[in-house]
Amino acid sequence: MLKESLSLFASLTIVPVIVASLLGLAYFRRLPPSLRYLTLLACFDVVMEVTAMLVLTLPGVRSNLFLLPIIAIGEVSLLALAYRSVLQSATFTKVLPWGLGLFSAYALFISFSQLGIVGHAVGLEIIGDLLTIGIAGLYFRKLLNELHIEHLRRDPFFWVSVGLVVQGLGNLLISLSSNYLLAHYSVQLQLIIMWGVRNLFNVLLYISYCVALWLRPRQSLQATPSRTT
């Protein structure tokens, strides 16, 4: 019963990201580049969520975890491109291709090295979480140093950054404690944390996408020239 309930909750996590993608597509031509990338990210997540569900319906397939490296590369890349427009940092722009290249190479290496093995790529998850937290942290640093927004709550990437930090820290804690959970706690608690709590963090992140794409303010952080180098 618990597994079925958690599975139903996991399937419902796609709802807010579908809403976010529809909001973004409805106003796509009028969106700034950063929010266009966020729309593409929401659409990518919808495609990956549906693909993950369909894969499990195939005969003989026991897991969809082999999709994780593809999801990690796509999400980190689109987020980085979105924040490139927001941060307007010469240093970030220069480092971005190298960082994405190294992360993609590592993700593909993990993918090929674990072919036929059913299990979470914990190292990849941790690095992905650290990267997203770091990107959001650069936004908050810029915010503190160069804030020119009268109403912070109306800036879409404030909400995206809050969602990224909450989801990243939550998933990072789960990833770091996964081996301890597997060794010392019941299967029921493992399911609640691995499926329920992790998906709850994903829902919160997707809701932050919805808020960002709903706001679409006339002036956001990216509209202010940056002197960051």
C-alpha atoms as a PDB file:
ATOM      1  CA  MET A   1       0.000   0.000   0.000  1.00  0.00           C
ATOM      2  CA  LEU A   2       2.817   2.403   0.896  1.00  0.00           C
ATOM      3  CA  LYS A   3       4.665   1.701  -2.345  1.00  0.00           C
ATOM      4  CA  GLU A   4       1.517   2.232  -4.405  1.00  0.00           C
ATOM      5  CA  SER A   5       0.792   5.539  -2.630  1.00  0.00           C
ATOM      6  CA  LEU A   6       4.323   6.796  -3.163  1.00  0.00           C
ATOM      7  CA  SER A   7       4.210   5.691  -6.791  1.00  0.00           C
ATOM      8  CA  LEU A   8       0.985   7.657  -7.294  1.00  0.00           C
ATOM      9  CA  PHE A   9       2.540  10.726  -5.658  1.00  0.00           C
ATOM     10  CA  ALA A  10       5.613  10.353  -7.886  1.00  0.00           C
ATOM     11  CA  SER A  11       3.408  10.259 -10.987  1.00  0.00           C
ATOM     12  CA  LEU A  12       1.624  13.438  -9.866  1.00  0.00           C
ATOM     13  CA  THR A  13       4.867  15.396  -9.580  1.00  0.00           C
ATOM     14  CA  ILE A  14       4.663  15.960 -13.329  1.00  0.00           C
ATOM     15  CA  VAL A  15       1.587  18.206 -12.921  1.00  0.00           C
ATOM     16  CA  PRO A  16       3.348  21.438 -11.774  1.00  0.00           C
ATOM     17  CA  VAL A  17       6.092  21.114 -14.374  1.00  0.00           C
ATOM     18  CA  ILE A  18       3.468  20.659 -17.101  1.00  0.00           C
ATOM     19  CA  VAL A  19       1.813  23.846 -15.838  1.00  0.00           C
ATOM     20  CA  ALA A  20       5.178  25.634 -15.923  1.00  0.00           C
ATOM     21  CA  SER A  21       5.907  24.476 -19.470  1.00  0.00           C
ATOM     22  CA  LEU A  22       2.467  25.574 -20.694  1.00  0.00           C
ATOM     23  CA  LEU A  23       2.888  28.989 -19.061  1.00  0.00           C
ATOM     24  CA  GLY A  24       6.277  29.425 -20.687  1.00  0.00           C
ATOM     25  CA  LEU A  25       5.135  28.284 -24.116  1.00  0.00           C
ATOM     26  CA  ALA A  26       2.087  30.580 -23.992  1.00  0.00           C
ATOM     27  CA  TYR A  27       4.309  33.658 -23.571  1.00  0.00           C
ATOM     28  CA  PHE A  28       7.491  32.302 -25.153  1.00  0.00           C
ATOM     29  CA  ARG A  29       7.982  35.065 -27.739  1.00  0.00           C
ATOM     30  CA  ARG A  30       7.638  37.791 -25.109  1.00  0.00           C
ATOM     31  CA  LEU A  31       9.961  36.185 -22.579  1.00  0.00           C
ATOM     32  CA  PRO A  32      13.569  37.299 -21.992  1.00  0.00           C
ATOM     33  CA  PRO A  33      16.272  34.746 -22.881  1.00  0.00           C
ATOM     34  CA  SER A  34      16.628  33.506 -19.298  1.00  0.00           C
ATOM     35  CA  LEU A  35      12.941  32.624 -19.002  1.00  0.00           C
ATOM     36  CA  ARG A  36      12.976  31.038 -22.436  1.00  0.00           C
ATOM     37  CA  TYR A  37      15.684  28.688 -21.219  1.00  0.00           C
ATOM     38  CA  LEU A  38      13.603  28.044 -18.099  1.00  0.00           C
ATOM     39  CA  THR A  39      10.659  27.155 -20.339  1.00  0.00           C
ATOM     40  CA  LEU A  40      12.867  24.766 -22.307  1.00  0.00           C
ATOM     41  CA  LEU A  41      14.002  23.254 -19.012  1.00  0.00           C
ATOM     42  CA  ALA A  42      10.391  22.710 -17.918  1.00  0.00           C
ATOM     43  CA  CYS A  43       9.580  21.096 -21.281  1.00  0.00           C
ATOM     44  CA  PHE A  44      12.688  18.914 -20.998  1.00  0.00           C
ATOM     45  CA  ASP A  45      11.611  17.772 -17.531  1.00  0.00           C
ATOM     46  CA  VAL A  46       8.138  16.905 -18.843  1.00  0.00           C
ATOM     47  CA  VAL A  47       9.645  14.808 -21.640  1.00  0.00           C
ATOM     48  CA  MET A  48      11.989  13.042 -19.203  1.00  0.00           C
ATOM     49  CA  GLU A  49       9.209  12.398 -16.658  1.00  0.00           C
ATOM     50  CA  VAL A  50       6.989  10.860 -19.342  1.00  0.00           C
ATOM     51  CA  THR A  51       9.895   8.861 -20.766  1.00  0.00           C
ATOM     52  CA  ALA A  52      10.776   7.516 -17.310  1.00  0.00           C
ATOM     53  CA  MET A  53       7.183   6.377 -16.812  1.00  0.00           C
ATOM     54  CA  LEU A  54       6.965   4.752 -20.251  1.00  0.00           C
ATOM     55  CA  VAL A  55      10.282   2.933 -19.832  1.00  0.00           C
ATOM     56  CA  LEU A  56       8.939   1.094 -16.783  1.00  0.00           C
ATOM     57  CA  THR A  57       6.018  -0.234 -18.845  1.00  0.00           C
ATOM     58  CA  LEU A  58       8.365  -1.989 -21.265  1.00  0.00           C
ATOM     59  CA  PRO A  59       8.658  -5.767 -20.807  1.00  0.00           C
ATOM     60  CA  GLY A  60      11.801  -6.850 -19.017  1.00  0.00           C
ATOM     61  CA  VAL A  61      12.778  -3.354 -17.873  1.00  0.00           C
ATOM     62  CA  ARG A  62      13.271  -3.148 -14.108  1.00  0.00           C
ATOM     63  CA  SER A  63      14.589   0.388 -13.726  1.00  0.00           C
ATOM     64  CA  ASN A  64      14.690   3.775 -15.414  1.00  0.00           C
ATOM     65  CA  LEU A  65      17.778   4.933 -13.513  1.00  0.00           C
ATOM     66  CA  PHE A  66      19.861   4.802 -16.706  1.00  0.00           C
ATOM     67  CA  LEU A  67      18.114   8.047 -17.672  1.00  0.00           C
ATOM     68  CA  LEU A  68      19.643   9.935 -14.729  1.00  0.00           C
ATOM     69  CA  PRO A  69      22.865  11.016 -16.539  1.00  0.00           C
ATOM     70  CA  ILE A  70      20.822  12.364 -19.477  1.00  0.00           C
ATOM     71  CA  ILE A  71      18.515  14.228 -17.098  1.00  0.00           C
ATOM     72  CA  ALA A  72      21.455  15.620 -15.125  1.00  0.00           C
ATOM     73  CA  ILE A  73      23.231  16.919 -18.240  1.00  0.00           C
ATOM     74  CA  GLY A  74      20.068  18.486 -19.653  1.00  0.00           C
ATOM     75  CA  GLU A  75      18.959  20.152 -16.430  1.00  0.00           C
ATOM     76  CA  VAL A  76      22.356  21.555 -15.453  1.00  0.00           C
ATOM     77  CA  SER A  77      23.029  22.800 -18.988  1.00  0.00           C
ATOM     78  CA  LEU A  78      19.691  24.601 -19.383  1.00  0.00           C
ATOM     79  CA  LEU A  79      19.899  26.092 -15.893  1.00  0.00           C
ATOM     80  CA  ALA A  80      23.414  27.341 -16.561  1.00  0.00           C
ATOM     81  CA  LEU A  81      22.325  28.942 -19.835  1.00  0.00           C
ATOM     82  CA  ALA A  82      19.373  30.607 -18.100  1.00  0.00           C
ATOM     83  CA  TYR A  83      21.574  32.014 -15.341  1.00  0.00           C
ATOM     84  CA  ARG A  84      24.161  33.179 -17.850  1.00  0.00           C
ATOM     85  CA  SER A  85      21.584  35.721 -19.032  1.00  0.00           C
ATOM     86  CA  VAL A  86      20.678  36.654 -15.464  1.00  0.00           C
ATOM     87  CA  LEU A  87      24.196  36.974 -14.044  1.00  0.00           C
ATOM     88  CA  GLN A  88      25.773  38.680 -17.077  1.00  0.00           C
ATOM     89  CA  SER A  89      29.166  37.737 -15.713  1.00  0.00           C
ATOM     90  CA  ALA A  90      32.144  37.557 -18.061  1.00  0.00           C
ATOM     91  CA  THR A  91      33.835  35.006 -15.816  1.00  0.00           C
ATOM     92  CA  PHE A  92      30.752  32.796 -15.644  1.00  0.00           C
ATOM     93  CA  THR A  93      30.375  32.956 -19.437  1.00  0.00           C
ATOM     94  CA  LYS A  94      34.008  31.928 -19.963  1.00  0.00           C
ATOM     95  CA  VAL A  95      33.916  29.083 -17.452  1.00  0.00           C
ATOM     96  CA  LEU A  96      30.514  27.779 -18.577  1.00  0.00           C
ATOM     97  CA  PRO A  97      31.581  25.714 -21.647  1.00  0.00           C
ATOM     98  CA  TRP A  98      34.415  24.058 -19.724  1.00  0.00           C
ATOM     99  CA  GLY A  99      32.248  23.333 -16.705  1.00  0.00           C
ATOM    100  CA  LEU A 100      29.414  21.872 -18.755  1.00  0.00           C
ATOM    101  CA  GLY A 101      31.865  19.863 -20.839  1.00  0.00           C
ATOM    102  CA  LEU A 102      33.531  18.309 -17.799  1.00  0.00           C
ATOM    103  CA  PHE A 103      30.221  17.578 -16.110  1.00  0.00           C
ATOM    104  CA  SER A 104      28.786  16.008 -19.273  1.00  0.00           C
ATOM    105  CA  ALA A 105      31.904  13.870 -19.759  1.00  0.00           C
ATOM    106  CA  TYR A 106      31.677  12.658 -16.150  1.00  0.00           C
ATOM    107  CA  ALA A 107      27.956  11.912 -16.476  1.00  0.00           C
ATOM    108  CA  LEU A 108      28.503   9.917 -19.678  1.00  0.00           C
ATOM    109  CA  PHE A 109      31.402   8.050 -18.084  1.00  0.00           C
ATOM    110  CA  ILE A 110      29.178   7.080 -15.159  1.00  0.00           C
ATOM    111  CA  SER A 111      26.432   6.055 -17.574  1.00  0.00           C
ATOM    112  CA  PHE A 112      28.653   3.716 -19.598  1.00  0.00           C
ATOM    113  CA  SER A 113      30.542   2.353 -16.593  1.00  0.00           C
ATOM    114  CA  GLN A 114      27.303   1.289 -14.899  1.00  0.00           C
ATOM    115  CA  LEU A 115      25.605  -0.348 -17.872  1.00  0.00           C
ATOM    116  CA  GLY A 116      23.614  -3.328 -16.637  1.00  0.00           C
ATOM    117  CA  ILE A 117      23.842  -2.189 -13.014  1.00  0.00           C
ATOM    118  CA  VAL A 118      20.646  -1.086 -11.288  1.00  0.00           C
ATOM    119  CA  GLY A 119      21.440   1.641  -8.780  1.00  0.00           C
ATOM    120  CA  HIS A 120      21.659   5.359  -8.126  1.00  0.00           C
ATOM    121  CA  ALA A 121      24.689   7.247  -9.408  1.00  0.00           C
ATOM    122  CA  VAL A 122      25.191   8.923  -6.036  1.00  0.00           C
ATOM    123  CA  GLY A 123      28.360  10.765  -7.067  1.00  0.00           C
ATOM    124  CA  LEU A 124      26.657  12.252 -10.112  1.00  0.00           C
ATOM    125  CA  GLU A 125      23.650  13.321  -8.029  1.00  0.00           C
ATOM    126  CA  ILE A 126      25.886  15.022  -5.465  1.00  0.00           C
ATOM    127  CA  ILE A 127      27.882  16.921  -8.100  1.00  0.00           C
ATOM    128  CA  GLY A 128      24.689  17.968  -9.883  1.00  0.00           C
ATOM    129  CA  ASP A 129      23.174  19.236  -6.625  1.00  0.00           C
ATOM    130  CA  LEU A 130      26.335  21.154  -5.745  1.00  0.00           C
ATOM    131  CA  LEU A 131      26.409  22.780  -9.191  1.00  0.00           C
ATOM    132  CA  THR A 132      22.786  23.926  -9.011  1.00  0.00           C
ATOM    133  CA  ILE A 133      23.251  25.239  -5.474  1.00  0.00           C
ATOM    134  CA  GLY A 134      26.386  27.042  -6.614  1.00  0.00           C
ATOM    135  CA  ILE A 135      24.604  28.654  -9.570  1.00  0.00           C
ATOM    136  CA  ALA A 136      21.778  29.830  -7.310  1.00  0.00           C
ATOM    137  CA  GLY A 137      24.395  31.091  -4.859  1.00  0.00           C
ATOM    138  CA  LEU A 138      25.912  33.270  -7.591  1.00  0.00           C
ATOM    139  CA  TYR A 139      22.499  34.830  -8.123  1.00  0.00           C
ATOM    140  CA  PHE A 140      22.158  35.674  -4.419  1.00  0.00           C
ATOM    141  CA  ARG A 141      25.698  37.064  -4.396  1.00  0.00           C
ATOM    142  CA  LYS A 142      24.839  39.326  -7.319  1.00  0.00           C
ATOM    143  CA  LEU A 143      21.611  40.248  -5.582  1.00  0.00           C
ATOM    144  CA  LEU A 144      23.430  41.390  -2.446  1.00  0.00           C
ATOM    145  CA  ASN A 145      26.129  43.269  -4.341  1.00  0.00           C
ATOM    146  CA  GLU A 146      24.127  44.947  -7.109  1.00  0.00           C
ATOM    147  CA  LEU A 147      20.486  44.922  -6.089  1.00  0.00           C
ATOM    148  CA  HIS A 148      18.429  47.364  -8.158  1.00  0.00           C
ATOM    149  CA  ILE A 149      15.037  45.666  -7.787  1.00  0.00           C
ATOM    150  CA  GLU A 150      12.390  47.509  -5.836  1.00  0.00           C
ATOM    151  CA  HIS A 151      10.196  44.446  -5.331  1.00  0.00           C
ATOM    152  CA  LEU A 152      12.339  41.337  -4.974  1.00  0.00           C
ATOM    153  CA  ARG A 153       9.349  39.006  -4.839  1.00  0.00           C
ATOM    154  CA  ARG A 154       8.501  40.036  -8.394  1.00  0.00           C
ATOM    155  CA  ASP A 155      11.817  38.875  -9.794  1.00  0.00           C
ATOM    156  CA  PRO A 156      11.288  35.393 -11.307  1.00  0.00           C
ATOM    157  CA  PHE A 157      14.788  34.118 -10.647  1.00  0.00           C
ATOM    158  CA  PHE A 158      14.516  34.901  -6.973  1.00  0.00           C
ATOM    159  CA  TRP A 159      11.882  32.148  -6.782  1.00  0.00           C
ATOM    160  CA  VAL A 160      13.818  29.822  -9.077  1.00  0.00           C
ATOM    161  CA  SER A 161      16.942  30.278  -6.953  1.00  0.00           C
ATOM    162  CA  VAL A 162      15.040  29.617  -3.726  1.00  0.00           C
ATOM    163  CA  GLY A 163      13.580  26.458  -5.273  1.00  0.00           C
ATOM    164  CA  LEU A 164      17.015  25.309  -6.454  1.00  0.00           C
ATOM    165  CA  VAL A 165      18.588  25.815  -3.027  1.00  0.00           C
ATOM    166  CA  VAL A 166      15.774  23.994  -1.204  1.00  0.00           C
ATOM    167  CA  GLN A 167      15.739  21.100  -3.655  1.00  0.00           C
ATOM    168  CA  GLY A 168      19.518  20.933  -3.929  1.00  0.00           C
ATOM    169  CA  LEU A 169      20.147  20.905  -0.182  1.00  0.00           C
ATOM    170  CA  GLY A 170      17.353  18.379   0.394  1.00  0.00           C
ATOM    171  CA  ASN A 171      18.553  16.004  -2.302  1.00  0.00           C
ATOM    172  CA  LEU A 172      22.169  16.464  -1.203  1.00  0.00           C
ATOM    173  CA  LEU A 173      21.283  15.407   2.327  1.00  0.00           C
ATOM    174  CA  ILE A 174      19.412  12.358   1.033  1.00  0.00           C
ATOM    175  CA  SER A 175      22.262  11.375  -1.301  1.00  0.00           C
ATOM    176  CA  LEU A 176      24.915  11.721   1.403  1.00  0.00           C
ATOM    177  CA  SER A 177      22.883   9.648   3.865  1.00  0.00           C
ATOM    178  CA  SER A 178      21.604   7.041   1.395  1.00  0.00           C
ATOM    179  CA  ASN A 179      24.087   4.327   2.361  1.00  0.00           C
ATOM    180  CA  TYR A 180      23.365   4.875   6.070  1.00  0.00           C
ATOM    181  CA  LEU A 181      19.623   4.683   5.415  1.00  0.00           C
ATOM    182  CA  LEU A 182      20.019   1.439   3.480  1.00  0.00           C
ATOM    183  CA  ALA A 183      22.079  -0.118   6.262  1.00  0.00           C
ATOM    184  CA  HIS A 184      20.186   0.963   9.371  1.00  0.00           C
ATOM    185  CA  TYR A 185      16.551   1.732   8.545  1.00  0.00           C
ATOM    186  CA  SER A 186      13.502  -0.186   7.374  1.00  0.00           C
ATOM    187  CA  VAL A 187      12.472  -0.548   3.763  1.00  0.00           C
ATOM    188  CA  GLN A 188       9.334   1.490   4.473  1.00  0.00           C
ATOM    189  CA  LEU A 189      11.318   4.475   5.749  1.00  0.00           C
ATOM    190  CA  GLN A 190      13.733   4.176   2.832  1.00  0.00           C
ATOM    191  CA  LEU A 191      10.806   4.340   0.402  1.00  0.00           C
ATOM    192  CA  ILE A 192       9.325   7.376   2.165  1.00  0.00           C
ATOM    193  CA  ILE A 193      12.610   9.272   2.044  1.00  0.00           C
ATOM    194  CA  MET A 194      13.867   8.125  -1.361  1.00  0.00           C
ATOM    195  CA  TRP A 195      10.548   8.452  -3.157  1.00  0.00           C
ATOM    196  CA  GLY A 196       8.275  10.632  -1.052  1.00  0.00           C
ATOM    197  CA  VAL A 197      10.595  13.305   0.340  1.00  0.00           C
ATOM    198  CA  ARG A 198      12.754  13.529  -2.797  1.00  0.00           C
ATOM    199  CA  ASN A 199       9.683  13.962  -5.001  1.00  0.00           C
ATOM    200  CA  LEU A 200       8.336  16.579  -2.594  1.00  0.00           C
ATOM    201  CA  PHE A 201      11.498  18.623  -3.175  1.00  0.00           C
ATOM    202  CA  ASN A 202      10.979  18.228  -6.930  1.00  0.00           C
ATOM    203  CA  VAL A 203       7.393  19.489  -6.595  1.00  0.00           C
ATOM    204  CA  LEU A 204       8.610  22.568  -4.711  1.00  0.00           C
ATOM    205  CA  LEU A 205      11.147  23.272  -7.439  1.00  0.00           C
ATOM    206  CA  TYR A 206       8.548  22.888 -10.180  1.00  0.00           C
ATOM    207  CA  ILE A 207       6.220  25.238  -8.300  1.00  0.00           C
ATOM    208  CA  SER A 208       9.027  27.818  -8.246  1.00  0.00           C
ATOM    209  CA  TYR A 209       9.200  27.479 -12.054  1.00  0.00           C
ATOM    210  CA  CYS A 210       5.450  28.135 -12.222  1.00  0.00           C
ATOM    211  CA  VAL A 211       5.773  31.234 -10.041  1.00  0.00           C
ATOM    212  CA  ALA A 212       8.680  32.560 -12.120  1.00  0.00           C
ATOM    213  CA  LEU A 213       6.879  32.071 -15.429  1.00  0.00           C
ATOM    214  CA  TRP A 214       3.646  33.468 -14.038  1.00  0.00           C
ATOM    215  CA  LEU A 215       5.262  36.676 -12.785  1.00  0.00           C
ATOM    216  CA  ARG A 216       7.134  37.673 -15.956  1.00  0.00           C
ATOM    217  CA  PRO A 217       7.927  41.146 -14.519  1.00  0.00           C
ATOM    218  CA  ARG A 218       8.756  44.077 -16.756  1.00  0.00           C
ATOM    219  CA  GLN A 219      12.046  44.521 -14.941  1.00  0.00           C
ATOM    220  CA  SER A 220      14.123  41.731 -13.474  1.00  0.00           C
ATOM    221  CA  LEU A 221      17.637  41.297 -12.232  1.00  0.00           C
ATOM    222  CA  GLN A 222      18.925  40.456 -15.696  1.00  0.00           C
ATOM    223  CA  ALA A 223      17.753  43.830 -17.004  1.00  0.00           C
ATOM    224  CA  THR A 224      20.341  45.585 -14.867  1.00  0.00           C
ATOM    225  CA  PRO A 225      23.853  45.784 -16.337  1.00  0.00           C
ATOM    226  CA  SER A 226      26.388  43.919 -14.257  1.00  0.00           C
ATOM    227  CA  ARG A 227      29.949  44.782 -13.455  1.00  0.00           C
ATOM    228  CA  THR A 228      30.688  41.293 -12.216  1.00  0.00           C
ATOM    229  CA  THR A 229      33.798  39.776 -13.688  1.00  0.00           C
END
